[in-house]
C-alpha atoms as a PDB file:
ATOM      1  CA  MET A   1      92.287  93.969 151.562  1.00  0.00           C
ATOM      2  CA  SER A   2      91.401  97.538 152.597  1.00  0.00           C
ATOM      3  CA  ASP A   3      93.981 100.301 152.019  1.00  0.00           C
ATOM      4  CA  VAL A   4      92.850 101.950 155.286  1.00  0.00           C
ATOM      5  CA  PRO A   5      95.265 101.141 158.102  1.00  0.00           C
ATOM      6  CA  GLU A   6      93.975  99.530 161.283  1.00  0.00           C
ATOM      7  CA  ILE A   7      92.823 102.136 163.765  1.00  0.00           C
ATOM      8  CA  ARG A   8      95.163 102.179 166.764  1.00  0.00           C
ATOM      9  CA  PRO A   9      97.042 104.803 168.806  1.00  0.00           C
ATOM     10  CA  THR A  10      98.571 107.307 166.377  1.00  0.00           C
ATOM     11  CA  ASN A  11     101.945 107.144 168.120  1.00  0.00           C
ATOM     12  CA  GLU A  12     102.195 103.542 166.934  1.00  0.00           C
ATOM     13  CA  MET A  13     101.580 104.502 163.303  1.00  0.00           C
ATOM     14  CA  SER A  14     104.032 105.606 160.700  1.00  0.00           C
ATOM     15  CA  ALA A  15     103.549 109.001 159.055  1.00  0.00           C
ATOM     16  CA  GLU A  16     102.276 107.263 155.939  1.00  0.00           C
ATOM     17  CA  GLU A  17      99.731 105.264 157.982  1.00  0.00           C
ATOM     18  CA  ARG A  18      98.473 108.429 159.684  1.00  0.00           C
ATOM     19  CA  ARG A  19      98.152 110.181 156.309  1.00  0.00           C
ATOM     20  CA  ARG A  20      96.116 107.269 154.828  1.00  0.00           C
ATOM     21  CA  LEU A  21      93.947 107.095 157.989  1.00  0.00           C
ATOM     22  CA  VAL A  22      93.175 110.823 157.838  1.00  0.00           C
ATOM     23  CA  GLU A  23      92.450 110.641 154.138  1.00  0.00           C
ATOM     24  CA  SER A  24      89.997 107.816 154.698  1.00  0.00           C
ATOM     25  CA  MET A  25      88.006 109.997 157.085  1.00  0.00           C
ATOM     26  CA  ARG A  26      87.815 113.142 154.930  1.00  0.00           C
ATOM     27  CA  PRO A  27      85.420 114.136 152.209  1.00  0.00           C
ATOM     28  CA  GLU A  28      86.789 113.603 148.674  1.00  0.00           C
ATOM     29  CA  ASP A  29      87.209 117.344 148.060  1.00  0.00           C
ATOM     30  CA  ALA A  30      88.984 118.141 151.368  1.00  0.00           C
ATOM     31  CA  GLU A  31      92.558 119.304 151.341  1.00  0.00           C
ATOM     32  CA  PRO A  32      94.854 116.295 151.912  1.00  0.00           C
ATOM     33  CA  VAL A  33      97.713 115.986 154.358  1.00  0.00           C
ATOM     34  CA  PRO A  34     100.596 117.948 152.774  1.00  0.00           C
ATOM     35  CA  GLU A  35     103.726 115.926 152.040  1.00  0.00           C
ATOM     36  CA  LEU A  36     106.626 117.228 154.133  1.00  0.00           C
ATOM     37  CA  HIS A  37     109.074 117.002 151.215  1.00  0.00           C
ATOM     38  CA  GLU A  38     106.780 119.276 149.113  1.00  0.00           C
ATOM     39  CA  VAL A  39     106.490 121.988 151.781  1.00  0.00           C
ATOM     40  CA  ASP A  40     109.210 124.524 152.587  1.00  0.00           C
ATOM     41  CA  VAL A  41     109.226 124.694 156.331  1.00  0.00           C
ATOM     42  CA  PRO A  42     111.602 127.162 158.114  1.00  0.00           C
ATOM     43  CA  ASP A  43     114.158 125.187 160.156  1.00  0.00           C
ATOM     44  CA  GLU A  44     113.367 127.026 163.405  1.00  0.00           C
ATOM     45  CA  LEU A  45     109.630 126.410 163.056  1.00  0.00           C
ATOM     46  CA  ARG A  46     110.106 122.728 162.236  1.00  0.00           C
ATOM     47  CA  GLU A  47     112.368 122.235 165.238  1.00  0.00           C
ATOM     48  CA  ARG A  48     109.845 123.818 167.624  1.00  0.00           C
ATOM     49  CA  ILE A  49     107.012 121.675 166.297  1.00  0.00           C
ATOM     50  CA  GLU A  50     109.026 118.476 166.345  1.00  0.00           C
ATOM     51  CA  ASP A  51     110.165 119.247 169.902  1.00  0.00           C
ATOM     52  CA  ALA A  52     106.476 119.630 170.946  1.00  0.00           C
ATOM     53  CA  MET A  53     105.584 116.339 169.192  1.00  0.00           C
ATOM     54  CA  SER A  54     108.336 114.526 171.122  1.00  0.00           C
ATOM     55  CA  ARG A  55     106.637 115.435 174.410  1.00  0.00           C
ATOM     56  CA  TYR A  56     103.233 113.838 173.735  1.00  0.00           C
ATOM     57  CA  PRO A  57     102.259 110.190 173.191  1.00  0.00           C
ATOM     58  CA  GLU A  58      99.449 111.304 170.905  1.00  0.00           C
ATOM     59  CA  LEU A  59     100.872 113.470 168.159  1.00  0.00           C
ATOM     60  CA  ARG A  60      97.719 115.503 167.816  1.00  0.00           C
ATOM     61  CA  SER A  61      98.211 116.689 171.377  1.00  0.00           C
ATOM     62  CA  ALA A  62     101.041 118.835 170.037  1.00  0.00           C
ATOM     63  CA  ALA A  63      98.615 120.795 167.822  1.00  0.00           C
ATOM     64  CA  LEU A  64      98.247 123.764 170.230  1.00  0.00           C
ATOM     65  CA  PRO A  65     102.021 124.141 170.810  1.00  0.00           C
ATOM     66  CA  ALA A  66     102.469 123.872 167.030  1.00  0.00           C
ATOM     67  CA  LEU A  67      99.974 126.683 166.513  1.00  0.00           C
ATOM     68  CA  TRP A  68     101.815 128.839 169.082  1.00  0.00           C
ATOM     69  CA  ALA A  69     105.041 128.136 167.181  1.00  0.00           C
ATOM     70  CA  VAL A  70     103.433 129.274 163.940  1.00  0.00           C
ATOM     71  CA  GLN A  71     101.974 132.407 165.514  1.00  0.00           C
ATOM     72  CA  ARG A  72     105.253 133.365 167.143  1.00  0.00           C
ATOM     73  CA  HIS A  73     107.169 132.770 163.874  1.00  0.00           C
ATOM     74  CA  TYR A  74     104.836 134.786 161.629  1.00  0.00           C
ATOM     75  CA  GLY A  75     102.961 137.018 164.042  1.00  0.00           C
ATOM     76  CA  TRP A  76      99.675 135.253 163.260  1.00  0.00           C
ATOM     77  CA  CYS A  77      98.472 131.870 162.020  1.00  0.00           C
ATOM     78  CA  THR A  78      98.986 132.309 158.317  1.00  0.00           C
ATOM     79  CA  ARG A  79      97.660 129.778 155.806  1.00  0.00           C
ATOM     80  CA  ASP A  80     101.198 128.932 154.737  1.00  0.00           C
ATOM     81  CA  GLY A  81     102.161 128.527 158.383  1.00  0.00           C
ATOM     82  CA  LEU A  82      99.256 126.192 159.060  1.00  0.00           C
ATOM     83  CA  ARG A  83     100.146 124.105 156.033  1.00  0.00           C
ATOM     84  CA  GLN A  84     103.806 123.924 157.153  1.00  0.00           C
ATOM     85  CA  ALA A  85     102.763 122.784 160.630  1.00  0.00           C
ATOM     86  CA  ALA A  86     100.301 120.233 159.117  1.00  0.00           C
ATOM     87  CA  ALA A  87     103.116 118.788 156.971  1.00  0.00           C
ATOM     88  CA  VAL A  88     105.427 118.337 159.961  1.00  0.00           C
ATOM     89  CA  MET A  89     102.648 116.791 162.098  1.00  0.00           C
ATOM     90  CA  GLY A  90     101.049 114.660 159.394  1.00  0.00           C
ATOM     91  CA  VAL A  91      97.574 116.176 159.771  1.00  0.00           C
ATOM     92  CA  THR A  92      95.391 118.239 157.526  1.00  0.00           C
ATOM     93  CA  PRO A  93      95.633 122.071 157.475  1.00  0.00           C
ATOM     94  CA  ALA A  94      91.882 122.094 158.114  1.00  0.00           C
ATOM     95  CA  TYR A  95      92.358 120.328 161.430  1.00  0.00           C
ATOM     96  CA  LEU A  96      94.809 122.984 162.594  1.00  0.00           C
ATOM     97  CA  GLU A  97      92.659 125.798 161.230  1.00  0.00           C
ATOM     98  CA  SER A  98      89.674 124.464 163.219  1.00  0.00           C
ATOM     99  CA  LEU A  99      91.678 124.858 166.416  1.00  0.00           C
ATOM    100  CA  ALA A 100      93.115 128.246 165.482  1.00  0.00           C
ATOM    101  CA  THR A 101      89.623 129.654 164.870  1.00  0.00           C
ATOM    102  CA  PHE A 102      88.246 128.130 168.057  1.00  0.00           C
ATOM    103  CA  TYR A 103      90.716 129.488 170.620  1.00  0.00           C
ATOM    104  CA  ASP A 104      90.664 133.233 171.322  1.00  0.00           C
ATOM    105  CA  LEU A 105      94.377 133.773 171.586  1.00  0.00           C
ATOM    106  CA  PHE A 106      95.232 132.539 168.096  1.00  0.00           C
ATOM    107  CA  ARG A 107      95.111 135.146 165.330  1.00  0.00           C
ATOM    108  CA  THR A 108      94.000 134.163 161.847  1.00  0.00           C
ATOM    109  CA  SER A 109      94.495 137.572 160.331  1.00  0.00           C
ATOM    110  CA  PRO A 110      97.325 140.077 160.636  1.00  0.00           C
ATOM    111  CA  VAL A 111      97.481 142.101 163.893  1.00  0.00           C
ATOM    112  CA  GLY A 112      99.851 144.651 165.435  1.00  0.00           C
ATOM    113  CA  ARG A 113     103.387 143.406 166.118  1.00  0.00           C
ATOM    114  CA  HIS A 114     103.017 143.898 169.917  1.00  0.00           C
ATOM    115  CA  GLN A 115      99.934 142.482 171.565  1.00  0.00           C
ATOM    116  CA  VAL A 116      98.360 144.166 174.606  1.00  0.00           C
ATOM    117  CA  LEU A 117      95.580 142.315 176.335  1.00  0.00           C
ATOM    118  CA  VAL A 118      93.897 144.499 178.998  1.00  0.00           C
ATOM    119  CA  CYS A 119      91.892 142.680 181.659  1.00  0.00           C
ATOM    120  CA  HIS A 120      88.381 144.061 182.118  1.00  0.00           C
ATOM    121  CA  ASN A 121      87.040 141.472 184.540  1.00  0.00           C
ATOM    122  CA  ILE A 122      85.634 142.356 187.968  1.00  0.00           C
ATOM    123  CA  SER A 123      88.852 142.928 190.027  1.00  0.00           C
ATOM    124  CA  CYS A 124      90.560 144.995 187.313  1.00  0.00           C
ATOM    125  CA  TRP A 125      87.297 146.815 186.452  1.00  0.00           C
ATOM    126  CA  MET A 126      86.822 147.877 190.083  1.00  0.00           C
ATOM    127  CA  ARG A 127      90.379 149.277 190.146  1.00  0.00           C
ATOM    128  CA  GLY A 128      90.187 151.264 186.891  1.00  0.00           C
ATOM    129  CA  GLY A 129      90.413 148.633 184.121  1.00  0.00           C
ATOM    130  CA  ASP A 130      88.167 150.587 181.813  1.00  0.00           C
ATOM    131  CA  GLU A 131      90.219 153.713 182.179  1.00  0.00           C
ATOM    132  CA  LEU A 132      93.407 151.694 181.604  1.00  0.00           C
ATOM    133  CA  LEU A 133      91.944 150.185 178.400  1.00  0.00           C
ATOM    134  CA  ARG A 134      91.049 153.696 177.118  1.00  0.00           C
ATOM    135  CA  ALA A 135      94.560 154.954 177.908  1.00  0.00           C
ATOM    136  CA  PHE A 136      96.143 152.104 175.936  1.00  0.00           C
ATOM    137  CA  CYS A 137      93.733 152.770 173.030  1.00  0.00           C
ATOM    138  CA  GLU A 138      94.418 156.506 172.960  1.00  0.00           C
ATOM    139  CA  ALA A 139      98.164 155.941 173.106  1.00  0.00           C
ATOM    140  CA  ALA A 140      98.047 153.341 170.345  1.00  0.00           C
ATOM    141  CA  GLY A 141      95.569 155.322 168.255  1.00  0.00           C
ATOM    142  CA  VAL A 142      92.922 152.605 168.067  1.00  0.00           C
ATOM    143  CA  ASP A 143      89.159 152.729 168.596  1.00  0.00           C
ATOM    144  CA  ALA A 144      88.187 151.728 172.118  1.00  0.00           C
ATOM    145  CA  HIS A 145      84.944 150.126 170.997  1.00  0.00           C
ATOM    146  CA  GLN A 146      86.807 147.872 168.548  1.00  0.00           C
ATOM    147  CA  ALA A 147      89.360 147.013 171.210  1.00  0.00           C
ATOM    148  CA  ASP A 148      86.523 145.960 173.497  1.00  0.00           C
ATOM    149  CA  HIS A 149      84.938 143.873 170.732  1.00  0.00           C
ATOM    150  CA  GLY A 150      87.561 141.671 169.152  1.00  0.00           C
ATOM    151  CA  GLY A 151      90.615 143.919 169.317  1.00  0.00           C
ATOM    152  CA  ALA A 152      92.137 146.580 167.115  1.00  0.00           C
ATOM    153  CA  SER A 153      95.568 147.299 165.617  1.00  0.00           C
ATOM    154  CA  SER A 154      97.242 150.680 165.482  1.00  0.00           C
ATOM    155  CA  PRO A 155      97.507 152.389 162.066  1.00  0.00           C
ATOM    156  CA  ASP A 156     101.263 151.884 162.032  1.00  0.00           C
ATOM    157  CA  GLY A 157     100.867 148.138 162.638  1.00  0.00           C
ATOM    158  CA  GLN A 158     102.915 148.201 165.821  1.00  0.00           C
ATOM    159  CA  VAL A 159     100.421 147.665 168.628  1.00  0.00           C
ATOM    160  CA  PHE A 160      97.297 145.435 168.949  1.00  0.00           C
ATOM    161  CA  VAL A 161      94.978 146.237 171.876  1.00  0.00           C
ATOM    162  CA  LYS A 162      92.165 143.953 173.081  1.00  0.00           C
ATOM    163  CA  ALA A 163      89.993 143.857 176.165  1.00  0.00           C
ATOM    164  CA  PHE A 164      90.300 140.426 177.705  1.00  0.00           C
ATOM    165  CA  GLU A 165      88.653 138.311 180.358  1.00  0.00           C
ATOM    166  CA  CYS A 166      90.320 137.407 183.708  1.00  0.00           C
ATOM    167  CA  MET A 167      93.918 136.237 183.371  1.00  0.00           C
ATOM    168  CA  GLY A 168      94.231 135.071 186.925  1.00  0.00           C
ATOM    169  CA  ALA A 169      96.385 137.964 188.222  1.00  0.00           C
ATOM    170  CA  CYS A 170      93.872 139.749 190.369  1.00  0.00           C
ATOM    171  CA  ASP A 171      96.590 140.607 192.946  1.00  0.00           C
ATOM    172  CA  ILE A 172      98.150 143.069 190.475  1.00  0.00           C
ATOM    173  CA  ALA A 173      94.872 144.665 189.223  1.00  0.00           C
ATOM    174  CA  PRO A 174      94.480 146.536 187.027  1.00  0.00           C
ATOM    175  CA  MET A 175      96.802 144.534 184.783  1.00  0.00           C
ATOM    176  CA  ALA A 176      97.573 143.750 181.225  1.00  0.00           C
ATOM    177  CA  SER A 177      99.389 141.027 179.287  1.00  0.00           C
ATOM    178  CA  ILE A 178     101.944 142.630 176.983  1.00  0.00           C
ATOM    179  CA  ASP A 179     103.618 140.298 174.560  1.00  0.00           C
ATOM    180  CA  GLU A 180     102.703 137.328 176.766  1.00  0.00           C
ATOM    181  CA  ARG A 181     104.111 138.860 179.966  1.00  0.00           C
ATOM    182  CA  TYR A 182     102.009 140.114 182.876  1.00  0.00           C
ATOM    183  CA  TYR A 183     102.275 143.735 184.057  1.00  0.00           C
ATOM    184  CA  GLY A 184     100.591 145.466 186.925  1.00  0.00           C
ATOM    185  CA  PRO A 185      99.230 147.309 188.806  1.00  0.00           C
ATOM    186  CA  LEU A 186      99.145 149.733 185.897  1.00  0.00           C
ATOM    187  CA  THR A 187      98.151 153.370 185.764  1.00  0.00           C
ATOM    188  CA  GLU A 188      97.040 155.370 182.734  1.00  0.00           C
ATOM    189  CA  ASP A 189     100.497 156.923 182.637  1.00  0.00           C
ATOM    190  CA  ASP A 190     101.991 153.404 182.542  1.00  0.00           C
ATOM    191  CA  ALA A 191      99.781 152.583 179.588  1.00  0.00           C
ATOM    192  CA  ARG A 192     101.029 155.578 177.649  1.00  0.00           C
ATOM    193  CA  ALA A 193     104.641 154.834 178.572  1.00  0.00           C
ATOM    194  CA  ALA A 194     104.237 151.174 177.608  1.00  0.00           C
ATOM    195  CA  VAL A 195     102.984 151.983 174.099  1.00  0.00           C
ATOM    196  CA  ALA A 196     105.849 154.458 173.566  1.00  0.00           C
ATOM    197  CA  GLU A 197     108.369 151.887 174.679  1.00  0.00           C
ATOM    198  CA  LEU A 198     106.917 149.107 172.532  1.00  0.00           C
ATOM    199  CA  ARG A 199     107.120 151.388 169.503  1.00  0.00           C
ATOM    200  CA  ALA A 200     110.794 151.987 170.372  1.00  0.00           C
ATOM    201  CA  ASP A 201     111.355 148.190 170.627  1.00  0.00           C
ATOM    202  CA  ALA A 202     112.104 148.547 174.342  1.00  0.00           C
ATOM    203  CA  GLU A 203     110.622 146.592 177.236  1.00  0.00           C
ATOM    204  CA  ALA A 204     107.334 148.030 178.378  1.00  0.00           C
ATOM    205  CA  VAL A 205     107.341 149.464 181.914  1.00  0.00           C
ATOM    206  CA  PRO A 206     109.820 146.888 183.278  1.00  0.00           C
ATOM    207  CA  GLY A 207     109.267 148.075 186.826  1.00  0.00           C
ATOM    208  CA  LYS A 208     105.682 146.762 186.621  1.00  0.00           C
ATOM    209  CA  ALA A 209     106.569 143.317 185.151  1.00  0.00           C
ATOM    210  CA  LEU A 210     105.322 140.454 187.314  1.00  0.00           C
ATOM    211  CA  ALA A 211     108.333 138.339 186.252  1.00  0.00           C
ATOM    212  CA  ASN A 212     110.689 140.949 187.689  1.00  0.00           C
ATOM    213  CA  ARG A 213     109.348 140.517 191.158  1.00  0.00           C
ATOM    214  CA  ALA A 214     111.640 138.662 193.586  1.00  0.00           C
ATOM    215  CA  ALA A 215     108.922 136.130 194.355  1.00  0.00           C
ATOM    216  CA  ALA A 216     108.758 135.260 190.666  1.00  0.00           C
ATOM    217  CA  GLY A 217     112.522 134.776 190.371  1.00  0.00           C
ATOM    218  CA  GLY A 218     113.385 138.389 189.583  1.00  0.00           C
ATOM    219  CA  PRO A 219     116.054 140.429 191.329  1.00  0.00           C
ATOM    220  CA  GLU A 220     115.887 140.852 195.067  1.00  0.00           C
ATOM    221  CA  PRO A 221     114.627 144.277 196.190  1.00  0.00           C
ATOM    222  CA  GLU A 222     117.091 146.696 197.731  1.00  0.00           C
ATOM    223  CA  PRO A 223     117.189 146.236 201.536  1.00  0.00           C
ATOM    224  CA  ASP A 224     115.333 148.883 203.585  1.00  0.00           C
ATOM    225  CA  PRO A 225     118.058 151.228 205.024  1.00  0.00           C
ATOM    226  CA  ARG A 226     115.868 151.807 208.092  1.00  0.00           C
ATOM    227  CA  VAL A 227     116.079 148.187 208.995  1.00  0.00           C
ATOM    228  CA  ALA A 228     119.881 148.156 208.683  1.00  0.00           C
ATOM    229  CA  LEU A 229     120.280 151.272 210.826  1.00  0.00           C
ATOM    230  CA  ALA A 230     117.905 149.905 213.429  1.00  0.00           C
ATOM    231  CA  GLU A 231     119.778 146.616 213.608  1.00  0.00           C
ATOM    232  CA  GLN A 232     123.091 148.458 214.017  1.00  0.00           C
ATOM    233  CA  GLY A 233     121.607 150.347 216.902  1.00  0.00           C
ATOM    234  CA  GLY A 234     120.350 147.214 218.567  1.00  0.00           C
ATOM    235  CA  HIS A 235     116.620 147.995 218.380  1.00  0.00           C
ATOM    236  CA  HIS A 236     113.738 147.104 216.177  1.00  0.00           C
ATOM    237  CA  PRO A 237     112.720 149.333 213.214  1.00  0.00           C
ATOM    238  CA  PRO A 238     109.459 151.276 213.515  1.00  0.00           C
ATOM    239  CA  GLY A 239     106.487 148.933 213.406  1.00  0.00           C
ATOM    240  CA  ALA A 240     108.441 145.815 214.244  1.00  0.00           C
ATOM    241  CA  ASP A 241     107.373 145.783 217.912  1.00  0.00           C
ATOM    242  CA  ALA A 242     103.741 145.982 216.839  1.00  0.00           C
ATOM    243  CA  GLY A 243     104.204 142.984 214.528  1.00  0.00           C
ATOM    244  CA  ALA A 244     105.989 140.944 217.167  1.00  0.00           C
ATOM    245  CA  SER A 245     103.247 141.680 219.781  1.00  0.00           C
ATOM    246  CA  GLU A 246     100.583 140.634 217.293  1.00  0.00           C
ATOM    247  CA  GLN A 247     102.356 137.320 216.617  1.00  0.00           C
ATOM    248  CA  GLU A 248     102.814 136.636 220.345  1.00  0.00           C
ATOM    249  CA  SER A 249      99.097 137.164 220.968  1.00  0.00           C
ATOM    250  CA  GLN A 250      98.105 134.586 218.352  1.00  0.00           C
END
């Protein structure tokens, strides 16, 4: 009788069956699935990975969330972190490494502690994206050419700057993703202020954060005092009549 378990959905297999199945598919010299009891996995990292695994019928579907957990825990996808995640998931480190090296947002080498991704696609480019990228580079002390070709970290290891493709926020162009949050529209002065605030461990230009907008669940804006005064006087604020007439004509 073969020692290889019957191939069926992995969520129906035990961890031991998954390990034997993966081993049966690998070359003899490939790194095996690490045993969980032999790997020291930080509790917080293990909990995040196991939580991701609980949300997918196919355990391998949790590979990308597991990689995000590793990167957020260590700052990049370290070899030890990949091995820890592999042990929790019951897969080979090589499988996780193949994903980490394929997707652009995963880092397989050390980068600056704060990550700044500056959009340089058409909408942002037309509104000064190149100038914004240069401002971030100058403030961080990194080479603009390197930032435009793979990214570059500041000498103090605090800031990583990279030109990036469209992030789907053209309405706030020119924009940047700073530590996984969207900011925009940004000016060159905003870029310089953002780098200074990141180095001081403060929130970068909070007034330009997309998440702080009322429509995104942020605080409601202060009411326009002109509207309140106009309402008290019993007449429309300037511009309101024009808007009403336009709606009536439609």
